[in-house]
Amino acid sequence: MYFYRNLYASPTLEKKKNKVKWKLRTGRPQPLVYVISLTKNDDLMEIYHSSILKQKFFRKKENAPYIIGVALGYEGAVELASQIIMDVYSKTGNYDIKSYVINKSKINR
């Protein structure tokens, strides 16, 4: 999996971002953590529960998600996703999250 260099995090996880990333990479259980990732199609973003990333599908390099945010709980993930959308819109004037994220920083594995 890939992580956005300026990873967004809900306020409750802001100080624990690195620990959450480590647990996601190593497959440790995080029952309350949801991730926000870029999509492969035309949608803006996808929200996954962290346990979904343990599936074999996501272990393949071509299916590895590009995670741009982590949040505590589904509601927190929805709020964070709307914050990301508003942040991108205020900085670019459009909703093209993929180009904003990819152009702003290099992939941080």
PDB file of N, CA and C in Angstrom:
ATOM      1  N   MET A   1       0.831  -1.173   0.000  1.00  0.00           N
ATOM      2  CA  MET A   1       0.000   0.000   0.000  1.00  0.00           C
ATOM      3  C   MET A   1       0.877   1.237   0.000  1.00  0.00           C
ATOM      4  N   TYR A   2       0.305   2.297  -0.498  1.00  0.00           N
ATOM      5  CA  TYR A   2       1.013   3.557  -0.602  1.00  0.00           C
ATOM      6  C   TYR A   2       0.300   4.597   0.262  1.00  0.00           C
ATOM      7  N   PHE A   3       1.071   5.511   0.812  1.00  0.00           N
ATOM      8  CA  PHE A   3       0.508   6.549   1.661  1.00  0.00           C
ATOM      9  C   PHE A   3       0.859   7.921   1.104  1.00  0.00           C
ATOM     10  N   TYR A   4      -0.114   8.803   1.133  1.00  0.00           N
ATOM     11  CA  TYR A   4       0.083  10.194   0.753  1.00  0.00           C
ATOM     12  C   TYR A   4       1.069  10.814   1.735  1.00  0.00           C
ATOM     13  N   ARG A   5       2.025  11.534   1.225  1.00  0.00           N
ATOM     14  CA  ARG A   5       3.058  12.122   2.078  1.00  0.00           C
ATOM     15  C   ARG A   5       2.460  13.016   3.161  1.00  0.00           C
ATOM     16  N   ASN A   6       1.437  13.790   2.818  1.00  0.00           N
ATOM     17  CA  ASN A   6       0.763  14.666   3.787  1.00  0.00           C
ATOM     18  C   ASN A   6      -0.543  14.015   4.216  1.00  0.00           C
ATOM     19  N   LEU A   7      -0.434  12.818   4.742  1.00  0.00           N
ATOM     20  CA  LEU A   7      -1.593  12.008   5.110  1.00  0.00           C
ATOM     21  C   LEU A   7      -2.564  12.788   5.991  1.00  0.00           C
ATOM     22  N   TYR A   8      -3.834  12.795   5.568  1.00  0.00           N
ATOM     23  CA  TYR A   8      -4.883  13.422   6.375  1.00  0.00           C
ATOM     24  C   TYR A   8      -5.245  12.456   7.503  1.00  0.00           C
ATOM     25  N   ALA A   9      -5.573  13.000   8.654  1.00  0.00           N
ATOM     26  CA  ALA A   9      -5.993  12.174   9.790  1.00  0.00           C
ATOM     27  C   ALA A   9      -7.066  12.908  10.575  1.00  0.00           C
ATOM     28  N   SER A  10      -7.993  12.137  11.117  1.00  0.00           N
ATOM     29  CA  SER A  10      -9.005  12.752  11.975  1.00  0.00           C
ATOM     30  C   SER A  10      -8.297  13.269  13.226  1.00  0.00           C
ATOM     31  N   PRO A  11      -8.874  14.243  13.895  1.00  0.00           N
ATOM     32  CA  PRO A  11      -8.196  14.848  15.063  1.00  0.00           C
ATOM     33  C   PRO A  11      -7.769  13.835  16.124  1.00  0.00           C
ATOM     34  N   THR A  12      -8.544  12.773  16.302  1.00  0.00           N
ATOM     35  CA  THR A  12      -8.189  11.784  17.325  1.00  0.00           C
ATOM     36  C   THR A  12      -6.989  10.931  16.932  1.00  0.00           C
ATOM     37  N   LEU A  13      -6.677  10.857  15.634  1.00  0.00           N
ATOM     38  CA  LEU A  13      -5.549  10.044  15.183  1.00  0.00           C
ATOM     39  C   LEU A  13      -4.350  10.873  14.728  1.00  0.00           C
ATOM     40  N   GLU A  14      -4.445  12.174  14.806  1.00  0.00           N
ATOM     41  CA  GLU A  14      -3.382  13.033  14.287  1.00  0.00           C
ATOM     42  C   GLU A  14      -2.017  12.703  14.898  1.00  0.00           C
ATOM     43  N   LYS A  15      -1.963  12.498  16.191  1.00  0.00           N
ATOM     44  CA  LYS A  15      -0.681  12.204  16.844  1.00  0.00           C
ATOM     45  C   LYS A  15      -0.248  10.755  16.659  1.00  0.00           C
ATOM     46  N   LYS A  16      -1.167   9.887  16.222  1.00  0.00           N
ATOM     47  CA  LYS A  16      -0.866   8.458  16.093  1.00  0.00           C
ATOM     48  C   LYS A  16      -0.739   8.014  14.640  1.00  0.00           C
ATOM     49  N   LYS A  17      -0.580   8.954  13.706  1.00  0.00           N
ATOM     50  CA  LYS A  17      -0.546   8.616  12.284  1.00  0.00           C
ATOM     51  C   LYS A  17       0.500   7.552  11.948  1.00  0.00           C
ATOM     52  N   ASN A  18       1.700   7.733  12.458  1.00  0.00           N
ATOM     53  CA  ASN A  18       2.778   6.789  12.126  1.00  0.00           C
ATOM     54  C   ASN A  18       2.493   5.396  12.673  1.00  0.00           C
ATOM     55  N   LYS A  19       1.924   5.322  13.857  1.00  0.00           N
ATOM     56  CA  LYS A  19       1.582   4.032  14.443  1.00  0.00           C
ATOM     57  C   LYS A  19       0.471   3.353  13.636  1.00  0.00           C
ATOM     58  N   VAL A  20      -0.515   4.139  13.211  1.00  0.00           N
ATOM     59  CA  VAL A  20      -1.606   3.597  12.391  1.00  0.00           C
ATOM     60  C   VAL A  20      -1.057   3.089  11.066  1.00  0.00           C
ATOM     61  N   LYS A  21      -0.164   3.851  10.437  1.00  0.00           N
ATOM     62  CA  LYS A  21       0.442   3.407   9.170  1.00  0.00           C
ATOM     63  C   LYS A  21       1.201   2.095   9.364  1.00  0.00           C
ATOM     64  N   TRP A  22       1.965   2.012  10.457  1.00  0.00           N
ATOM     65  CA  TRP A  22       2.731   0.798  10.731  1.00  0.00           C
ATOM     66  C   TRP A  22       1.795  -0.396  10.902  1.00  0.00           C
ATOM     67  N   LYS A  23       0.705  -0.193  11.647  1.00  0.00           N
ATOM     68  CA  LYS A  23      -0.242  -1.287  11.866  1.00  0.00           C
ATOM     69  C   LYS A  23      -0.935  -1.691  10.567  1.00  0.00           C
ATOM     70  N   LEU A  24      -1.213  -0.736   9.704  1.00  0.00           N
ATOM     71  CA  LEU A  24      -1.816  -1.073   8.419  1.00  0.00           C
ATOM     72  C   LEU A  24      -0.855  -1.890   7.559  1.00  0.00           C
ATOM     73  N   ARG A  25       0.394  -1.478   7.547  1.00  0.00           N
ATOM     74  CA  ARG A  25       1.402  -2.213   6.749  1.00  0.00           C
ATOM     75  C   ARG A  25       1.619  -3.628   7.265  1.00  0.00           C
ATOM     76  N   THR A  26       1.591  -3.806   8.575  1.00  0.00           N
ATOM     77  CA  THR A  26       1.894  -5.116   9.157  1.00  0.00           C
ATOM     78  C   THR A  26       0.658  -5.971   9.408  1.00  0.00           C
ATOM     79  N   GLY A  27      -0.520  -5.441   9.121  1.00  0.00           N
ATOM     80  CA  GLY A  27      -1.749  -6.226   9.259  1.00  0.00           C
ATOM     81  C   GLY A  27      -2.250  -6.378  10.683  1.00  0.00           C
ATOM     82  N   ARG A  28      -1.829  -5.495  11.570  1.00  0.00           N
ATOM     83  CA  ARG A  28      -2.311  -5.538  12.952  1.00  0.00           C
ATOM     84  C   ARG A  28      -3.765  -5.086  13.008  1.00  0.00           C
ATOM     85  N   PRO A  29      -4.554  -5.668  13.890  1.00  0.00           N
ATOM     86  CA  PRO A  29      -5.973  -5.275  13.970  1.00  0.00           C
ATOM     87  C   PRO A  29      -6.157  -3.862  14.513  1.00  0.00           C
ATOM     88  N   GLN A  30      -7.067  -3.144  13.868  1.00  0.00           N
ATOM     89  CA  GLN A  30      -7.447  -1.794  14.290  1.00  0.00           C
ATOM     90  C   GLN A  30      -8.957  -1.689  14.071  1.00  0.00           C
ATOM     91  N   PRO A  31      -9.734  -2.166  15.018  1.00  0.00           N
ATOM     92  CA  PRO A  31     -11.170  -2.303  14.801  1.00  0.00           C
ATOM     93  C   PRO A  31     -11.926  -1.002  14.543  1.00  0.00           C
ATOM     94  N   LEU A  32     -11.398   0.121  14.943  1.00  0.00           N
ATOM     95  CA  LEU A  32     -12.128   1.378  14.763  1.00  0.00           C
ATOM     96  C   LEU A  32     -11.569   2.261  13.650  1.00  0.00           C
ATOM     97  N   VAL A  33     -10.512   1.827  12.967  1.00  0.00           N
ATOM     98  CA  VAL A  33      -9.846   2.666  11.973  1.00  0.00           C
ATOM     99  C   VAL A  33     -10.404   2.412  10.572  1.00  0.00           C
ATOM    100  N   TYR A  34     -10.703   3.512   9.887  1.00  0.00           N
ATOM    101  CA  TYR A  34     -11.123   3.481   8.491  1.00  0.00           C
ATOM    102  C   TYR A  34     -10.103   4.257   7.669  1.00  0.00           C
ATOM    103  N   VAL A  35      -9.904   3.844   6.428  1.00  0.00           N
ATOM    104  CA  VAL A  35      -8.966   4.528   5.553  1.00  0.00           C
ATOM    105  C   VAL A  35      -9.713   5.127   4.370  1.00  0.00           C
ATOM    106  N   ILE A  36      -9.187   6.227   3.871  1.00  0.00           N
ATOM    107  CA  ILE A  36      -9.728   6.881   2.684  1.00  0.00           C
ATOM    108  C   ILE A  36      -8.655   6.771   1.614  1.00  0.00           C
ATOM    109  N   SER A  37      -9.041   6.234   0.467  1.00  0.00           N
ATOM    110  CA  SER A  37      -8.061   6.038  -0.595  1.00  0.00           C
ATOM    111  C   SER A  37      -8.565   6.600  -1.913  1.00  0.00           C
ATOM    112  N   LEU A  38      -7.620   6.837  -2.809  1.00  0.00           N
ATOM    113  CA  LEU A  38      -7.981   7.237  -4.159  1.00  0.00           C
ATOM    114  C   LEU A  38      -8.563   6.031  -4.883  1.00  0.00           C
ATOM    115  N   THR A  39      -9.392   6.281  -5.869  1.00  0.00           N
ATOM    116  CA  THR A  39      -9.994   5.182  -6.621  1.00  0.00           C
ATOM    117  C   THR A  39      -9.263   4.955  -7.931  1.00  0.00           C
ATOM    118  N   LYS A  40      -9.491   3.802  -8.509  1.00  0.00           N
ATOM    119  CA  LYS A  40      -8.912   3.489  -9.811  1.00  0.00           C
ATOM    120  C   LYS A  40      -9.832   3.979 -10.934  1.00  0.00           C
ATOM    121  N   ASN A  41     -11.089   4.286 -10.608  1.00  0.00           N
ATOM    122  CA  ASN A  41     -12.035   4.752 -11.622  1.00  0.00           C
ATOM    123  C   ASN A  41     -12.282   6.249 -11.468  1.00  0.00           C
ATOM    124  N   ASP A  42     -13.416   6.733 -11.906  1.00  0.00           N
ATOM    125  CA  ASP A  42     -13.699   8.172 -11.908  1.00  0.00           C
ATOM    126  C   ASP A  42     -14.277   8.708 -10.613  1.00  0.00           C
ATOM    127  N   ASP A  43     -14.531   7.862  -9.637  1.00  0.00           N
ATOM    128  CA  ASP A  43     -15.045   8.345  -8.362  1.00  0.00           C
ATOM    129  C   ASP A  43     -13.978   9.175  -7.657  1.00  0.00           C
ATOM    130  N   LEU A  44     -14.386   9.934  -6.656  1.00  0.00           N
ATOM    131  CA  LEU A  44     -13.427  10.771  -5.942  1.00  0.00           C
ATOM    132  C   LEU A  44     -12.551   9.963  -4.997  1.00  0.00           C
ATOM    133  N   MET A  45     -13.205   9.270  -4.033  1.00  0.00           N
ATOM    134  CA  MET A  45     -12.465   8.517  -3.019  1.00  0.00           C
ATOM    135  C   MET A  45     -13.279   7.301  -2.588  1.00  0.00           C
ATOM    136  N   GLU A  46     -12.599   6.383  -1.909  1.00  0.00           N
ATOM    137  CA  GLU A  46     -13.269   5.221  -1.327  1.00  0.00           C
ATOM    138  C   GLU A  46     -12.947   5.177   0.159  1.00  0.00           C
ATOM    139  N   ILE A  47     -13.887   4.677   0.938  1.00  0.00           N
ATOM    140  CA  ILE A  47     -13.681   4.518   2.375  1.00  0.00           C
ATOM    141  C   ILE A  47     -13.716   3.025   2.671  1.00  0.00           C
ATOM    142  N   TYR A  48     -12.656   2.528   3.298  1.00  0.00           N
ATOM    143  CA  TYR A  48     -12.552   1.113   3.665  1.00  0.00           C
ATOM    144  C   TYR A  48     -12.363   0.981   5.167  1.00  0.00           C
ATOM    145  N   HIS A  49     -12.871  -0.105   5.716  1.00  0.00           N
ATOM    146  CA  HIS A  49     -12.491  -0.462   7.085  1.00  0.00           C
ATOM    147  C   HIS A  49     -11.077  -1.034   6.992  1.00  0.00           C
ATOM    148  N   SER A  50     -10.266  -0.799   7.974  1.00  0.00           N
ATOM    149  CA  SER A  50      -8.857  -1.215   7.922  1.00  0.00           C
ATOM    150  C   SER A  50      -8.681  -2.722   7.760  1.00  0.00           C
ATOM    151  N   SER A  51      -9.625  -3.521   8.230  1.00  0.00           N
ATOM    152  CA  SER A  51      -9.484  -4.977   8.111  1.00  0.00           C
ATOM    153  C   SER A  51      -9.623  -5.459   6.668  1.00  0.00           C
ATOM    154  N   ILE A  52     -10.274  -4.689   5.814  1.00  0.00           N
ATOM    155  CA  ILE A  52     -10.424  -5.054   4.405  1.00  0.00           C
ATOM    156  C   ILE A  52      -9.060  -5.132   3.730  1.00  0.00           C
ATOM    157  N   LEU A  53      -8.118  -4.331   4.175  1.00  0.00           N
ATOM    158  CA  LEU A  53      -6.804  -4.283   3.543  1.00  0.00           C
ATOM    159  C   LEU A  53      -5.979  -5.541   3.791  1.00  0.00           C
ATOM    160  N   LYS A  54      -6.456  -6.441   4.641  1.00  0.00           N
ATOM    161  CA  LYS A  54      -5.750  -7.697   4.891  1.00  0.00           C
ATOM    162  C   LYS A  54      -6.014  -8.725   3.790  1.00  0.00           C
ATOM    163  N   GLN A  55      -6.992  -8.487   2.943  1.00  0.00           N
ATOM    164  CA  GLN A  55      -7.345  -9.439   1.894  1.00  0.00           C
ATOM    165  C   GLN A  55      -6.219  -9.569   0.871  1.00  0.00           C
ATOM    166  N   LYS A  56      -6.121 -10.753   0.275  1.00  0.00           N
ATOM    167  CA  LYS A  56      -5.069 -11.027  -0.704  1.00  0.00           C
ATOM    168  C   LYS A  56      -5.117 -10.063  -1.881  1.00  0.00           C
ATOM    169  N   PHE A  57      -6.303  -9.640  -2.244  1.00  0.00           N
ATOM    170  CA  PHE A  57      -6.472  -8.730  -3.379  1.00  0.00           C
ATOM    171  C   PHE A  57      -5.612  -7.485  -3.218  1.00  0.00           C
ATOM    172  N   PHE A  58      -5.563  -6.925  -2.034  1.00  0.00           N
ATOM    173  CA  PHE A  58      -4.839  -5.682  -1.796  1.00  0.00           C
ATOM    174  C   PHE A  58      -3.339  -5.894  -1.634  1.00  0.00           C
ATOM    175  N   ARG A  59      -2.892  -7.128  -1.500  1.00  0.00           N
ATOM    176  CA  ARG A  59      -1.455  -7.403  -1.370  1.00  0.00           C
ATOM    177  C   ARG A  59      -0.733  -7.324  -2.708  1.00  0.00           C
ATOM    178  N   LYS A  60      -1.486  -7.483  -3.808  1.00  0.00           N
ATOM    179  CA  LYS A  60      -0.876  -7.385  -5.137  1.00  0.00           C
ATOM    180  C   LYS A  60      -0.534  -5.933  -5.419  1.00  0.00           C
ATOM    181  N   LYS A  61       0.628  -5.734  -6.021  1.00  0.00           N
ATOM    182  CA  LYS A  61       1.113  -4.383  -6.256  1.00  0.00           C
ATOM    183  C   LYS A  61       0.149  -3.549  -7.099  1.00  0.00           C
ATOM    184  N   GLU A  62      -0.460  -4.164  -8.108  1.00  0.00           N
ATOM    185  CA  GLU A  62      -1.371  -3.409  -8.977  1.00  0.00           C
ATOM    186  C   GLU A  62      -2.690  -3.046  -8.290  1.00  0.00           C
ATOM    187  N   ASN A  63      -3.010  -3.699  -7.181  1.00  0.00           N
ATOM    188  CA  ASN A  63      -4.239  -3.415  -6.444  1.00  0.00           C
ATOM    189  C   ASN A  63      -3.995  -2.646  -5.150  1.00  0.00           C
ATOM    190  N   ALA A  64      -2.746  -2.336  -4.870  1.00  0.00           N
ATOM    191  CA  ALA A  64      -2.405  -1.654  -3.617  1.00  0.00           C
ATOM    192  C   ALA A  64      -3.075  -0.283  -3.577  1.00  0.00           C
ATOM    193  N   PRO A  65      -3.787   0.013  -2.507  1.00  0.00           N
ATOM    194  CA  PRO A  65      -4.475   1.304  -2.427  1.00  0.00           C
ATOM    195  C   PRO A  65      -3.504   2.451  -2.151  1.00  0.00           C
ATOM    196  N   TYR A  66      -3.881   3.621  -2.625  1.00  0.00           N
ATOM    197  CA  TYR A  66      -3.147   4.850  -2.347  1.00  0.00           C
ATOM    198  C   TYR A  66      -3.936   5.572  -1.263  1.00  0.00           C
ATOM    199  N   ILE A  67      -3.496   5.436  -0.035  1.00  0.00           N
ATOM    200  CA  ILE A  67      -4.234   5.944   1.124  1.00  0.00           C
ATOM    201  C   ILE A  67      -3.894   7.413   1.354  1.00  0.00           C
ATOM    202  N   ILE A  68      -4.960   8.239   1.401  1.00  0.00           N
ATOM    203  CA  ILE A  68      -4.749   9.670   1.608  1.00  0.00           C
ATOM    204  C   ILE A  68      -5.263  10.143   2.962  1.00  0.00           C
ATOM    205  N   GLY A  69      -5.975   9.256   3.692  1.00  0.00           N
ATOM    206  CA  GLY A  69      -6.490   9.657   4.995  1.00  0.00           C
ATOM    207  C   GLY A  69      -6.822   8.483   5.887  1.00  0.00           C
ATOM    208  N   VAL A  70      -6.726   8.685   7.185  1.00  0.00           N
ATOM    209  CA  VAL A  70      -7.115   7.681   8.178  1.00  0.00           C
ATOM    210  C   VAL A  70      -8.005   8.365   9.205  1.00  0.00           C
ATOM    211  N   ALA A  71      -9.027   7.626   9.649  1.00  0.00           N
ATOM    212  CA  ALA A  71      -9.978   8.217  10.591  1.00  0.00           C
ATOM    213  C   ALA A  71     -10.453   7.182  11.591  1.00  0.00           C
ATOM    214  N   LEU A  72     -10.960   7.672  12.690  1.00  0.00           N
ATOM    215  CA  LEU A  72     -11.517   6.822  13.730  1.00  0.00           C
ATOM    216  C   LEU A  72     -13.028   6.749  13.515  1.00  0.00           C
ATOM    217  N   GLY A  73     -13.521   5.577  13.158  1.00  0.00           N
ATOM    218  CA  GLY A  73     -14.941   5.372  12.921  1.00  0.00           C
ATOM    219  C   GLY A  73     -15.369   5.796  11.527  1.00  0.00           C
ATOM    220  N   TYR A  74     -16.500   5.239  11.089  1.00  0.00           N
ATOM    221  CA  TYR A  74     -16.998   5.540   9.749  1.00  0.00           C
ATOM    222  C   TYR A  74     -17.430   6.997   9.631  1.00  0.00           C
ATOM    223  N   GLU A  75     -18.103   7.506  10.646  1.00  0.00           N
ATOM    224  CA  GLU A  75     -18.529   8.903  10.608  1.00  0.00           C
ATOM    225  C   GLU A  75     -17.335   9.845  10.532  1.00  0.00           C
ATOM    226  N   GLY A  76     -16.276   9.497  11.258  1.00  0.00           N
ATOM    227  CA  GLY A  76     -15.050  10.291  11.189  1.00  0.00           C
ATOM    228  C   GLY A  76     -14.441  10.261   9.803  1.00  0.00           C
ATOM    229  N   ALA A  77     -14.542   9.102   9.141  1.00  0.00           N
ATOM    230  CA  ALA A  77     -14.004   8.969   7.788  1.00  0.00           C
ATOM    231  C   ALA A  77     -14.808   9.810   6.801  1.00  0.00           C
ATOM    232  N   VAL A  78     -16.122   9.835   6.963  1.00  0.00           N
ATOM    233  CA  VAL A  78     -16.962  10.647   6.084  1.00  0.00           C
ATOM    234  C   VAL A  78     -16.657  12.132   6.290  1.00  0.00           C
ATOM    235  N   GLU A  79     -16.506  12.540   7.531  1.00  0.00           N
ATOM    236  CA  GLU A  79     -16.159  13.940   7.821  1.00  0.00           C
ATOM    237  C   GLU A  79     -14.792  14.300   7.247  1.00  0.00           C
ATOM    238  N   LEU A  80     -13.829  13.384   7.383  1.00  0.00           N
ATOM    239  CA  LEU A  80     -12.496  13.636   6.860  1.00  0.00           C
ATOM    240  C   LEU A  80     -12.517  13.698   5.334  1.00  0.00           C
ATOM    241  N   ALA A  81     -13.296  12.837   4.703  1.00  0.00           N
ATOM    242  CA  ALA A  81     -13.412  12.859   3.243  1.00  0.00           C
ATOM    243  C   ALA A  81     -13.984  14.195   2.775  1.00  0.00           C
ATOM    244  N   SER A  82     -14.989  14.699   3.470  1.00  0.00           N
ATOM    245  CA  SER A  82     -15.551  16.000   3.078  1.00  0.00           C
ATOM    246  C   SER A  82     -14.543  17.117   3.319  1.00  0.00           C
ATOM    247  N   GLN A  83     -13.747  16.991   4.365  1.00  0.00           N
ATOM    248  CA  GLN A  83     -12.693  17.979   4.625  1.00  0.00           C
ATOM    249  C   GLN A  83     -11.660  17.965   3.499  1.00  0.00           C
ATOM    250  N   ILE A  84     -11.302  16.771   3.030  1.00  0.00           N
ATOM    251  CA  ILE A  84     -10.333  16.652   1.934  1.00  0.00           C
ATOM    252  C   ILE A  84     -10.897  17.305   0.674  1.00  0.00           C
ATOM    253  N   ILE A  85     -12.160  17.037   0.380  1.00  0.00           N
ATOM    254  CA  ILE A  85     -12.787  17.619  -0.806  1.00  0.00           C
ATOM    255  C   ILE A  85     -12.780  19.147  -0.725  1.00  0.00           C
ATOM    256  N   MET A  86     -13.161  19.670   0.419  1.00  0.00           N
ATOM    257  CA  MET A  86     -13.186  21.126   0.585  1.00  0.00           C
ATOM    258  C   MET A  86     -11.778  21.724   0.522  1.00  0.00           C
ATOM    259  N   ASP A  87     -10.792  21.024   1.057  1.00  0.00           N
ATOM    260  CA  ASP A  87      -9.412  21.486   1.013  1.00  0.00           C
ATOM    261  C   ASP A  87      -8.922  21.560  -0.432  1.00  0.00           C
ATOM    262  N   VAL A  88      -9.178  20.512  -1.192  1.00  0.00           N
ATOM    263  CA  VAL A  88      -8.755  20.488  -2.598  1.00  0.00           C
ATOM    264  C   VAL A  88      -9.476  21.577  -3.381  1.00  0.00           C
ATOM    265  N   TYR A  89     -10.771  21.735  -3.134  1.00  0.00           N
ATOM    266  CA  TYR A  89     -11.534  22.764  -3.856  1.00  0.00           C
ATOM    267  C   TYR A  89     -11.030  24.167  -3.535  1.00  0.00           C
ATOM    268  N   SER A  90     -10.731  24.414  -2.276  1.00  0.00           N
ATOM    269  CA  SER A  90     -10.268  25.753  -1.905  1.00  0.00           C
ATOM    270  C   SER A  90      -8.883  26.066  -2.486  1.00  0.00           C
ATOM    271  N   LYS A  91      -8.071  25.049  -2.700  1.00  0.00           N
ATOM    272  CA  LYS A  91      -6.720  25.282  -3.222  1.00  0.00           C
ATOM    273  C   LYS A  91      -6.652  25.260  -4.746  1.00  0.00           C
ATOM    274  N   THR A  92      -7.562  24.525  -5.395  1.00  0.00           N
ATOM    275  CA  THR A  92      -7.465  24.379  -6.850  1.00  0.00           C
ATOM    276  C   THR A  92      -8.669  24.932  -7.604  1.00  0.00           C
ATOM    277  N   GLY A  93      -9.803  25.053  -6.948  1.00  0.00           N
ATOM    278  CA  GLY A  93     -10.998  25.514  -7.629  1.00  0.00           C
ATOM    279  C   GLY A  93     -11.757  24.405  -8.337  1.00  0.00           C
ATOM    280  N   ASN A  94     -11.321  23.164  -8.177  1.00  0.00           N
ATOM    281  CA  ASN A  94     -12.049  22.018  -8.739  1.00  0.00           C
ATOM    282  C   ASN A  94     -11.968  20.843  -7.774  1.00  0.00           C
ATOM    283  N   TYR A  95     -12.569  19.743  -8.174  1.00  0.00           N
ATOM    284  CA  TYR A  95     -12.638  18.566  -7.297  1.00  0.00           C
ATOM    285  C   TYR A  95     -11.741  17.422  -7.770  1.00  0.00           C
ATOM    286  N   ASP A  96     -10.718  17.716  -8.523  1.00  0.00           N
ATOM    287  CA  ASP A  96      -9.842  16.674  -9.044  1.00  0.00           C
ATOM    288  C   ASP A  96      -8.814  16.288  -7.976  1.00  0.00           C
ATOM    289  N   ILE A  97      -9.239  15.421  -7.087  1.00  0.00           N
ATOM    290  CA  ILE A  97      -8.410  15.034  -5.945  1.00  0.00           C
ATOM    291  C   ILE A  97      -7.177  14.257  -6.389  1.00  0.00           C
ATOM    292  N   LYS A  98      -7.337  13.376  -7.377  1.00  0.00           N
ATOM    293  CA  LYS A  98      -6.210  12.552  -7.837  1.00  0.00           C
ATOM    294  C   LYS A  98      -5.053  13.421  -8.315  1.00  0.00           C
ATOM    295  N   SER A  99      -5.333  14.371  -9.227  1.00  0.00           N
ATOM    296  CA  SER A  99      -4.221  15.178  -9.721  1.00  0.00           C
ATOM    297  C   SER A  99      -3.622  16.047  -8.644  1.00  0.00           C
ATOM    298  N   TYR A 100      -4.453  16.551  -7.732  1.00  0.00           N
ATOM    299  CA  TYR A 100      -3.938  17.374  -6.645  1.00  0.00           C
ATOM    300  C   TYR A 100      -2.990  16.570  -5.760  1.00  0.00           C
ATOM    301  N   VAL A 101      -3.398  15.390  -5.366  1.00  0.00           N
ATOM    302  CA  VAL A 101      -2.594  14.565  -4.463  1.00  0.00           C
ATOM    303  C   VAL A 101      -1.319  14.083  -5.146  1.00  0.00           C
ATOM    304  N   ILE A 102      -1.440  13.595  -6.371  1.00  0.00           N
ATOM    305  CA  ILE A 102      -0.278  13.033  -7.053  1.00  0.00           C
ATOM    306  C   ILE A 102       0.715  14.130  -7.445  1.00  0.00           C
ATOM    307  N   ASN A 103       0.226  15.281  -7.852  1.00  0.00           N
ATOM    308  CA  ASN A 103       1.132  16.367  -8.226  1.00  0.00           C
ATOM    309  C   ASN A 103       1.771  17.039  -7.021  1.00  0.00           C
ATOM    310  N   LYS A 104       1.086  17.007  -5.875  1.00  0.00           N
ATOM    311  CA  LYS A 104       1.597  17.712  -4.699  1.00  0.00           C
ATOM    312  C   LYS A 104       2.768  16.983  -4.048  1.00  0.00           C
ATOM    313  N   SER A 105       2.752  15.667  -4.071  1.00  0.00           N
ATOM    314  CA  SER A 105       3.854  14.960  -3.415  1.00  0.00           C
ATOM    315  C   SER A 105       4.155  13.662  -4.136  1.00  0.00           C
ATOM    316  N   LYS A 106       5.325  13.182  -3.892  1.00  0.00           N
ATOM    317  CA  LYS A 106       5.705  11.884  -4.440  1.00  0.00           C
ATOM    318  C   LYS A 106       5.095  10.787  -3.588  1.00  0.00           C
ATOM    319  N   ILE A 107       5.039   9.604  -4.149  1.00  0.00           N
ATOM    320  CA  ILE A 107       4.504   8.467  -3.402  1.00  0.00           C
ATOM    321  C   ILE A 107       5.453   8.128  -2.261  1.00  0.00           C
ATOM    322  N   ASN A 108       4.889   7.943  -1.084  1.00  0.00           N
ATOM    323  CA  ASN A 108       5.666   7.595   0.104  1.00  0.00           C
ATOM    324  C   ASN A 108       5.238   6.198   0.527  1.00  0.00           C
ATOM    325  N   ARG A 109       6.079   5.234   0.316  1.00  0.00           N
ATOM    326  CA  ARG A 109       5.728   3.856   0.585  1.00  0.00           C
ATOM    327  C   ARG A 109       5.886   3.504   2.017  1.00  0.00           C
TER     328      ARG A 109
END
